[in-house]
Amino acid sequence: MYCGVRLGIKIASALDKPHMVEVYAEYGLFYDIPKGQEISAEAANLFASRNAVFNVWPFFRELVHTTIARMGFPALVLPSFKLSVNPG
């Protein structure tokens, strides 16, 4: 099963300078479904909407952190991603 995730962040300067940084990333994820197993489209969509973002978030956090640092801006660490117990 394939899932695509697109994440982005825009960061404006808190100073009186017109700096704005935008970081975007697209990730493609492949999940292996064991032979002989079938999942419904509804279950696959629910899985993708919750797990795909959860699985790529650490990579996006690292990308934002290192990109901002390499540009000479103050360090920025995005928070950990937490799934809600009851999505709704």
N, C-alpha and C. Protein backbone atom coordinates (compact mmCIF):
# COMPACT_ATOMS: atom_id res chain seq x y z
N MET A 1 0.85 -1.16 0.00
CA MET A 1 0.00 0.00 0.00
C MET A 1 0.91 1.24 0.00
N TYR A 2 0.55 2.22 -0.81
CA TYR A 2 1.33 3.46 -0.91
C TYR A 2 0.55 4.60 -0.28
N CYS A 3 1.26 5.45 0.46
CA CYS A 3 0.67 6.66 1.04
C CYS A 3 1.60 7.82 0.72
N GLY A 4 1.03 8.95 0.40
CA GLY A 4 1.82 10.16 0.18
C GLY A 4 1.46 11.19 1.22
N VAL A 5 2.48 11.87 1.74
CA VAL A 5 2.29 12.89 2.76
C VAL A 5 3.04 14.15 2.33
N ARG A 6 2.36 15.29 2.42
CA ARG A 6 2.99 16.58 2.12
C ARG A 6 2.90 17.43 3.38
N LEU A 7 4.04 17.90 3.85
CA LEU A 7 4.08 18.74 5.06
C LEU A 7 4.79 20.04 4.73
N GLY A 8 4.42 21.09 5.44
CA GLY A 8 5.07 22.38 5.23
C GLY A 8 4.93 23.26 6.45
N ILE A 9 5.86 24.20 6.54
CA ILE A 9 5.84 25.16 7.64
C ILE A 9 6.35 26.49 7.12
N LYS A 10 5.73 27.57 7.58
CA LYS A 10 6.18 28.92 7.28
C LYS A 10 6.58 29.56 8.59
N ILE A 11 7.76 30.18 8.61
CA ILE A 11 8.29 30.77 9.83
C ILE A 11 8.60 32.24 9.55
N ALA A 12 7.96 33.11 10.30
CA ALA A 12 8.21 34.55 10.17
C ALA A 12 9.14 34.98 11.29
N SER A 13 9.93 35.99 11.03
CA SER A 13 10.85 36.50 12.02
C SER A 13 10.08 37.26 13.11
N ALA A 14 10.48 37.04 14.36
CA ALA A 14 9.89 37.79 15.47
C ALA A 14 10.55 39.16 15.59
N LEU A 15 11.62 39.34 14.87
CA LEU A 15 12.33 40.62 14.90
C LEU A 15 11.72 41.56 13.87
N ASP A 16 12.21 42.75 13.82
CA ASP A 16 11.71 43.72 12.86
C ASP A 16 12.37 43.56 11.50
N LYS A 17 12.62 42.32 11.14
CA LYS A 17 13.23 42.03 9.84
C LYS A 17 12.23 41.25 9.01
N PRO A 18 12.26 41.44 7.72
CA PRO A 18 11.26 40.78 6.87
C PRO A 18 11.61 39.34 6.48
N HIS A 19 12.29 38.63 7.34
CA HIS A 19 12.66 37.26 7.00
C HIS A 19 11.48 36.31 7.16
N MET A 20 11.32 35.45 6.19
CA MET A 20 10.35 34.38 6.29
C MET A 20 10.98 33.16 5.66
N VAL A 21 10.85 32.04 6.33
CA VAL A 21 11.38 30.79 5.84
C VAL A 21 10.21 29.84 5.62
N GLU A 22 10.23 29.14 4.50
CA GLU A 22 9.23 28.13 4.22
C GLU A 22 9.95 26.83 3.93
N VAL A 23 9.52 25.78 4.58
CA VAL A 23 10.10 24.45 4.36
C VAL A 23 8.94 23.51 4.03
N TYR A 24 9.06 22.85 2.90
CA TYR A 24 8.04 21.89 2.47
C TYR A 24 8.73 20.58 2.13
N ALA A 25 8.02 19.49 2.34
CA ALA A 25 8.56 18.18 2.00
C ALA A 25 7.42 17.26 1.61
N GLU A 26 7.69 16.38 0.69
CA GLU A 26 6.74 15.34 0.31
C GLU A 26 7.41 13.99 0.54
N TYR A 27 6.67 13.10 1.15
CA TYR A 27 7.19 11.78 1.48
C TYR A 27 6.28 10.73 0.85
N GLY A 28 6.89 9.67 0.35
CA GLY A 28 6.15 8.52 -0.16
C GLY A 28 6.44 7.33 0.73
N LEU A 29 5.40 6.70 1.21
CA LEU A 29 5.55 5.56 2.11
C LEU A 29 4.93 4.32 1.48
N PHE A 30 5.62 3.22 1.60
CA PHE A 30 5.10 1.94 1.13
C PHE A 30 4.95 1.03 2.34
N TYR A 31 3.76 0.50 2.52
CA TYR A 31 3.49 -0.44 3.60
C TYR A 31 3.23 -1.80 2.97
N ASP A 32 3.84 -2.81 3.54
CA ASP A 32 3.72 -4.16 3.04
C ASP A 32 2.49 -4.83 3.65
N ILE A 33 1.63 -5.34 2.82
CA ILE A 33 0.49 -6.11 3.30
C ILE A 33 0.82 -7.57 3.06
N PRO A 34 0.77 -8.38 4.12
CA PRO A 34 1.13 -9.80 3.96
C PRO A 34 0.28 -10.48 2.88
N LYS A 35 0.91 -11.44 2.18
CA LYS A 35 0.19 -12.17 1.14
C LYS A 35 -1.04 -12.85 1.74
N GLY A 36 -2.09 -12.79 1.00
CA GLY A 36 -3.33 -13.41 1.46
C GLY A 36 -4.19 -12.53 2.33
N GLN A 37 -3.64 -11.39 2.76
CA GLN A 37 -4.39 -10.45 3.59
C GLN A 37 -5.04 -9.40 2.69
N GLU A 38 -6.22 -9.03 3.05
CA GLU A 38 -6.90 -7.96 2.33
C GLU A 38 -7.39 -6.94 3.34
N ILE A 39 -7.34 -5.67 2.94
CA ILE A 39 -7.91 -4.64 3.79
C ILE A 39 -8.85 -3.80 2.94
N SER A 40 -9.89 -3.33 3.56
CA SER A 40 -10.88 -2.53 2.83
C SER A 40 -10.29 -1.15 2.53
N ALA A 41 -10.88 -0.48 1.56
CA ALA A 41 -10.44 0.87 1.22
C ALA A 41 -10.64 1.80 2.41
N GLU A 42 -11.72 1.60 3.16
CA GLU A 42 -11.99 2.43 4.34
C GLU A 42 -10.89 2.25 5.40
N ALA A 43 -10.51 0.99 5.65
CA ALA A 43 -9.45 0.72 6.63
C ALA A 43 -8.11 1.27 6.15
N ALA A 44 -7.84 1.14 4.86
CA ALA A 44 -6.58 1.65 4.30
C ALA A 44 -6.52 3.17 4.43
N ASN A 45 -7.62 3.85 4.15
CA ASN A 45 -7.66 5.31 4.27
C ASN A 45 -7.50 5.76 5.71
N LEU A 46 -8.13 5.07 6.64
CA LEU A 46 -7.98 5.41 8.06
C LEU A 46 -6.54 5.21 8.51
N PHE A 47 -5.95 4.08 8.11
CA PHE A 47 -4.56 3.80 8.45
C PHE A 47 -3.65 4.89 7.89
N ALA A 48 -3.85 5.24 6.62
CA ALA A 48 -3.00 6.24 5.98
C ALA A 48 -3.15 7.61 6.63
N SER A 49 -4.37 7.99 6.96
CA SER A 49 -4.59 9.33 7.52
C SER A 49 -3.97 9.49 8.90
N ARG A 50 -3.79 8.42 9.63
CA ARG A 50 -3.23 8.51 10.97
C ARG A 50 -1.76 8.10 11.01
N ASN A 51 -1.42 6.99 10.44
CA ASN A 51 -0.07 6.45 10.58
C ASN A 51 0.95 7.07 9.65
N ALA A 52 0.56 7.44 8.46
CA ALA A 52 1.54 7.99 7.52
C ALA A 52 2.17 9.27 8.07
N VAL A 53 1.36 10.19 8.55
CA VAL A 53 1.90 11.44 9.12
C VAL A 53 2.74 11.12 10.36
N PHE A 54 2.25 10.23 11.20
CA PHE A 54 2.98 9.84 12.41
C PHE A 54 4.36 9.27 12.04
N ASN A 55 4.42 8.47 10.98
CA ASN A 55 5.68 7.83 10.59
C ASN A 55 6.68 8.79 9.96
N VAL A 56 6.23 9.83 9.27
CA VAL A 56 7.17 10.75 8.62
C VAL A 56 7.53 11.95 9.49
N TRP A 57 6.76 12.20 10.54
CA TRP A 57 6.99 13.40 11.36
C TRP A 57 8.43 13.53 11.86
N PRO A 58 9.08 12.49 12.38
CA PRO A 58 10.47 12.66 12.84
C PRO A 58 11.41 13.12 11.73
N PHE A 59 11.17 12.67 10.51
CA PHE A 59 12.02 13.07 9.39
C PHE A 59 11.78 14.54 9.02
N PHE A 60 10.53 14.97 9.10
CA PHE A 60 10.21 16.37 8.82
C PHE A 60 10.80 17.28 9.90
N ARG A 61 10.69 16.87 11.17
CA ARG A 61 11.27 17.64 12.27
C ARG A 61 12.76 17.86 12.05
N GLU A 62 13.45 16.79 11.67
CA GLU A 62 14.90 16.88 11.45
C GLU A 62 15.20 17.77 10.25
N LEU A 63 14.42 17.66 9.18
CA LEU A 63 14.61 18.49 8.00
C LEU A 63 14.45 19.97 8.34
N VAL A 64 13.40 20.31 9.08
CA VAL A 64 13.18 21.70 9.46
C VAL A 64 14.32 22.20 10.34
N HIS A 65 14.68 21.42 11.33
CA HIS A 65 15.74 21.82 12.27
C HIS A 65 17.06 22.08 11.54
N THR A 66 17.50 21.14 10.71
CA THR A 66 18.80 21.31 10.04
C THR A 66 18.74 22.39 8.96
N THR A 67 17.63 22.51 8.26
CA THR A 67 17.51 23.54 7.22
C THR A 67 17.59 24.93 7.84
N ILE A 68 16.85 25.14 8.92
CA ILE A 68 16.86 26.43 9.59
C ILE A 68 18.25 26.74 10.14
N ALA A 69 18.90 25.75 10.74
CA ALA A 69 20.24 25.96 11.30
C ALA A 69 21.25 26.30 10.21
N ARG A 70 21.17 25.62 9.08
CA ARG A 70 22.10 25.88 7.98
C ARG A 70 21.92 27.27 7.38
N MET A 71 20.73 27.82 7.54
CA MET A 71 20.46 29.16 7.02
C MET A 71 20.92 30.24 7.99
N GLY A 72 21.37 29.83 9.17
CA GLY A 72 21.88 30.79 10.14
C GLY A 72 20.82 31.39 11.05
N PHE A 73 19.62 30.83 11.02
CA PHE A 73 18.55 31.31 11.90
C PHE A 73 18.64 30.60 13.25
N PRO A 74 18.02 31.14 14.28
CA PRO A 74 18.02 30.46 15.58
C PRO A 74 17.40 29.07 15.47
N ALA A 75 17.86 28.18 16.31
CA ALA A 75 17.40 26.78 16.28
C ALA A 75 15.89 26.69 16.47
N LEU A 76 15.29 25.79 15.73
CA LEU A 76 13.86 25.53 15.85
C LEU A 76 13.66 24.03 15.90
N VAL A 77 13.04 23.55 16.95
CA VAL A 77 12.73 22.12 17.07
C VAL A 77 11.21 22.00 17.18
N LEU A 78 10.62 21.35 16.19
CA LEU A 78 9.18 21.13 16.24
C LEU A 78 8.84 20.11 17.32
N PRO A 79 7.65 20.18 17.89
CA PRO A 79 7.28 19.24 18.95
C PRO A 79 7.08 17.83 18.40
N SER A 80 7.07 16.86 19.30
CA SER A 80 6.76 15.49 18.91
C SER A 80 5.32 15.43 18.43
N PHE A 81 5.06 14.50 17.55
CA PHE A 81 3.71 14.32 17.01
C PHE A 81 2.97 13.34 17.89
N LYS A 82 1.78 13.72 18.31
CA LYS A 82 0.97 12.84 19.16
C LYS A 82 -0.35 12.57 18.48
N LEU A 83 -0.70 11.31 18.39
CA LEU A 83 -1.99 10.92 17.83
C LEU A 83 -3.05 11.05 18.91
N SER A 84 -4.21 11.56 18.53
CA SER A 84 -5.30 11.61 19.49
C SER A 84 -5.88 10.22 19.64
N VAL A 85 -6.42 9.94 20.82
CA VAL A 85 -7.00 8.62 21.08
C VAL A 85 -8.25 8.41 20.26
N ASN A 86 -9.04 9.44 20.12
CA ASN A 86 -10.31 9.33 19.40
C ASN A 86 -10.34 10.35 18.27
N PRO A 87 -9.88 9.94 17.06
CA PRO A 87 -9.90 10.90 15.97
C PRO A 87 -11.33 11.21 15.58
N GLY A 88 -11.61 12.44 15.44
CA GLY A 88 -13.00 12.71 15.07
C GLY A 88 -13.27 14.07 14.67
